């Protein structure tokens, strides 16, 4: 039972981490695009 939970955590956590990284990059991209528009 505990082993199954570990396997689930090992498969879910990398996915959550990846989504977090992607969303953070999108936010940074959006901020930089907004600042470029302000300068132009």
PDB file of N, CA and C in Angstrom:
ATOM      1  N   UNK A   1       0.844  -1.211   0.000  1.00  0.00           N
ATOM      2  CA  UNK A   1       0.000   0.000   0.000  1.00  0.00           C
ATOM      3  C   UNK A   1       0.876   1.257   0.000  1.00  0.00           C
ATOM      4  N   UNK A   2       1.866   1.276   0.895  1.00  0.00           N
ATOM      5  CA  UNK A   2       2.745   2.437   0.968  1.00  0.00           C
ATOM      6  C   UNK A   2       3.535   2.580  -0.324  1.00  0.00           C
ATOM      7  N   UNK A   3       3.946   1.426  -0.891  1.00  0.00           N
ATOM      8  CA  UNK A   3       4.719   1.457  -2.132  1.00  0.00           C
ATOM      9  C   UNK A   3       3.890   2.089  -3.252  1.00  0.00           C
ATOM     10  N   UNK A   4       2.609   1.741  -3.319  1.00  0.00           N
ATOM     11  CA  UNK A   4       1.735   2.313  -4.345  1.00  0.00           C
ATOM     12  C   UNK A   4       1.631   3.830  -4.189  1.00  0.00           C
ATOM     13  N   UNK A   5       1.538   4.298  -2.968  1.00  0.00           N
ATOM     14  CA  UNK A   5       1.445   5.746  -2.728  1.00  0.00           C
ATOM     15  C   UNK A   5       2.718   6.443  -3.199  1.00  0.00           C
ATOM     16  N   UNK A   6       3.870   5.806  -2.938  1.00  0.00           N
ATOM     17  CA  UNK A   6       5.134   6.397  -3.384  1.00  0.00           C
ATOM     18  C   UNK A   6       5.186   6.471  -4.894  1.00  0.00           C
ATOM     19  N   UNK A   7       4.739   5.417  -5.565  1.00  0.00           N
ATOM     20  CA  UNK A   7       4.729   5.412  -7.035  1.00  0.00           C
ATOM     21  C   UNK A   7       3.824   6.524  -7.547  1.00  0.00           C
ATOM     22  N   UNK A   8       2.672   6.679  -6.924  1.00  0.00           N
ATOM     23  CA  UNK A   8       1.739   7.745  -7.331  1.00  0.00           C
ATOM     24  C   UNK A   8       2.365   9.115  -7.132  1.00  0.00           C
ATOM     25  N   UNK A   9       3.006   9.316  -5.990  1.00  0.00           N
ATOM     26  CA  UNK A   9       3.648  10.600  -5.703  1.00  0.00           C
ATOM     27  C   UNK A   9       4.759  10.869  -6.711  1.00  0.00           C
ATOM     28  N   UNK A  10       5.506   9.821  -7.055  1.00  0.00           N
ATOM     29  CA  UNK A  10       6.614   9.992  -8.005  1.00  0.00           C
ATOM     30  C   UNK A  10       6.119  10.327  -9.396  1.00  0.00           C
ATOM     31  N   UNK A  11       4.905   9.898  -9.753  1.00  0.00           N
ATOM     32  CA  UNK A  11       4.386  10.214 -11.085  1.00  0.00           C
ATOM     33  C   UNK A  11       3.645  11.545 -11.086  1.00  0.00           C
ATOM     34  N   UNK A  12       2.982  11.889  -9.988  1.00  0.00           N
ATOM     35  CA  UNK A  12       2.196  13.129  -9.938  1.00  0.00           C
ATOM     36  C   UNK A  12       3.103  14.339  -9.715  1.00  0.00           C
ATOM     37  N   UNK A  13       4.069  14.234  -8.791  1.00  0.00           N
ATOM     38  CA  UNK A  13       4.896  15.392  -8.451  1.00  0.00           C
ATOM     39  C   UNK A  13       5.673  15.967  -9.632  1.00  0.00           C
ATOM     40  N   UNK A  14       6.345  15.145 -10.452  1.00  0.00           N
ATOM     41  CA  UNK A  14       7.040  15.729 -11.603  1.00  0.00           C
ATOM     42  C   UNK A  14       6.088  16.468 -12.538  1.00  0.00           C
ATOM     43  N   UNK A  15       4.885  15.946 -12.720  1.00  0.00           N
ATOM     44  CA  UNK A  15       3.898  16.616 -13.565  1.00  0.00           C
ATOM     45  C   UNK A  15       3.506  17.966 -12.999  1.00  0.00           C
ATOM     46  N   UNK A  16       3.261  18.021 -11.698  1.00  0.00           N
ATOM     47  CA  UNK A  16       2.898  19.284 -11.040  1.00  0.00           C
ATOM     48  C   UNK A  16       4.060  20.266 -11.147  1.00  0.00           C
ATOM     49  N   UNK A  17       5.279  19.755 -10.927  1.00  0.00           N
ATOM     50  CA  UNK A  17       6.473  20.594 -11.005  1.00  0.00           C
ATOM     51  C   UNK A  17       6.623  21.174 -12.403  1.00  0.00           C
ATOM     52  N   UNK A  18       6.384  20.333 -13.415  1.00  0.00           N
ATOM     53  CA  UNK A  18       6.508  20.774 -14.807  1.00  0.00           C
ATOM     54  C   UNK A  18       5.481  21.868 -15.110  1.00  0.00           C
ATOM     55  N   UNK A  19       4.250  21.655 -14.662  1.00  0.00           N
ATOM     56  CA  UNK A  19       3.191  22.653 -14.885  1.00  0.00           C
ATOM     57  C   UNK A  19       3.557  23.966 -14.201  1.00  0.00           C
ATOM     58  N   UNK A  20       4.109  23.876 -12.983  1.00  0.00           N
ATOM     59  CA  UNK A  20       4.510  25.075 -12.239  1.00  0.00           C
ATOM     60  C   UNK A  20       5.597  25.837 -12.995  1.00  0.00           C
ATOM     61  N   UNK A  21       6.596  25.091 -13.509  1.00  0.00           N
ATOM     62  CA  UNK A  21       7.701  25.727 -14.251  1.00  0.00           C
ATOM     63  C   UNK A  21       7.165  26.390 -15.520  1.00  0.00           C
ATOM     64  N   UNK A  22       6.283  25.680 -16.240  1.00  0.00           N
ATOM     65  CA  UNK A  22       5.737  26.224 -17.492  1.00  0.00           C
ATOM     66  C   UNK A  22       4.925  27.490 -17.209  1.00  0.00           C
ATOM     67  N   UNK A  23       4.093  27.449 -16.172  1.00  0.00           N
ATOM     68  CA  UNK A  23       3.256  28.615 -15.860  1.00  0.00           C
ATOM     69  C   UNK A  23       4.118  29.799 -15.425  1.00  0.00           C
ATOM     70  N   UNK A  24       5.206  29.516 -14.680  1.00  0.00           N
ATOM     71  CA  UNK A  24       6.109  30.591 -14.262  1.00  0.00           C
ATOM     72  C   UNK A  24       6.780  31.219 -15.482  1.00  0.00           C
ATOM     73  N   UNK A  25       7.204  30.368 -16.440  1.00  0.00           N
ATOM     74  CA  UNK A  25       7.834  30.887 -17.658  1.00  0.00           C
ATOM     75  C   UNK A  25       6.840  31.717 -18.461  1.00  0.00           C
ATOM     76  N   UNK A  26       5.577  31.276 -18.514  1.00  0.00           N
ATOM     77  CA  UNK A  26       4.556  32.033 -19.241  1.00  0.00           C
ATOM     78  C   UNK A  26       4.334  33.397 -18.596  1.00  0.00           C
ATOM     79  N   UNK A  27       4.330  33.438 -17.263  1.00  0.00           N
ATOM     80  CA  UNK A  27       4.149  34.715 -16.557  1.00  0.00           C
ATOM     81  C   UNK A  27       5.311  35.649 -16.868  1.00  0.00           C
ATOM     82  N   UNK A  28       6.541  35.118 -16.837  1.00  0.00           N
ATOM     83  CA  UNK A  28       7.731  35.936 -17.138  1.00  0.00           C
ATOM     84  C   UNK A  28       7.643  36.457 -18.572  1.00  0.00           C
ATOM     85  N   UNK A  29       7.230  35.563 -19.485  1.00  0.00           N
ATOM     86  CA  UNK A  29       7.101  35.947 -20.897  1.00  0.00           C
ATOM     87  C   UNK A  29       6.075  37.070 -21.044  1.00  0.00           C
ATOM     88  N   UNK A  30       4.951  36.939 -20.359  1.00  0.00           N
ATOM     89  CA  UNK A  30       3.881  37.936 -20.442  1.00  0.00           C
ATOM     90  C   UNK A  30       4.363  39.282 -19.905  1.00  0.00           C
ATOM     91  N   UNK A  31       5.108  39.258 -18.788  1.00  0.00           N
ATOM     92  CA  UNK A  31       5.622  40.500 -18.193  1.00  0.00           C
ATOM     93  C   UNK A  31       6.599  41.170 -19.149  1.00  0.00           C
ATOM     94  N   UNK A  32       7.490  40.360 -19.764  1.00  0.00           N
ATOM     95  CA  UNK A  32       8.482  40.948 -20.673  1.00  0.00           C
ATOM     96  C   UNK A  32       7.800  41.525 -21.914  1.00  0.00           C
ATOM     97  N   UNK A  33       6.772  40.840 -22.412  1.00  0.00           N
ATOM     98  CA  UNK A  33       6.030  41.353 -23.574  1.00  0.00           C
ATOM     99  C   UNK A  33       5.345  42.670 -23.202  1.00  0.00           C
ATOM    100  N   UNK A  34       4.762  42.718 -22.012  1.00  0.00           N
ATOM    101  CA  UNK A  34       4.084  43.938 -21.563  1.00  0.00           C
ATOM    102  C   UNK A  34       5.084  45.095 -21.435  1.00  0.00           C
ATOM    103  N   UNK A  35       6.275  44.813 -20.888  1.00  0.00           N
ATOM    104  CA  UNK A  35       7.272  45.873 -20.724  1.00  0.00           C
ATOM    105  C   UNK A  35       7.806  46.332 -22.078  1.00  0.00           C
ATOM    106  N   UNK A  36       7.922  45.407 -23.035  1.00  0.00           N
ATOM    107  CA  UNK A  36       8.359  45.788 -24.390  1.00  0.00           C
ATOM    108  C   UNK A  36       7.317  46.710 -25.020  1.00  0.00           C
ATOM    109  N   UNK A  37       6.036  46.393 -24.842  1.00  0.00           N
ATOM    110  CA  UNK A  37       4.964  47.238 -25.392  1.00  0.00           C
ATOM    111  C   UNK A  37       4.999  48.624 -24.758  1.00  0.00           C
ATOM    112  N   UNK A  38       5.316  48.697 -23.473  1.00  0.00           N
ATOM    113  CA  UNK A  38       5.387  49.994 -22.786  1.00  0.00           C
ATOM    114  C   UNK A  38       6.526  50.830 -23.379  1.00  0.00           C
ATOM    115  N   UNK A  39       7.677  50.170 -23.613  1.00  0.00           N
ATOM    116  CA  UNK A  39       8.825  50.896 -24.173  1.00  0.00           C
ATOM    117  C   UNK A  39       8.550  51.357 -25.601  1.00  0.00           C
ATOM    118  N   UNK A  40       7.834  50.531 -26.383  1.00  0.00           N
ATOM    119  CA  UNK A  40       7.514  50.917 -27.760  1.00  0.00           C
ATOM    120  C   UNK A  40       6.374  51.943 -27.750  1.00  0.00           C
TER     121      UNK A  40
END
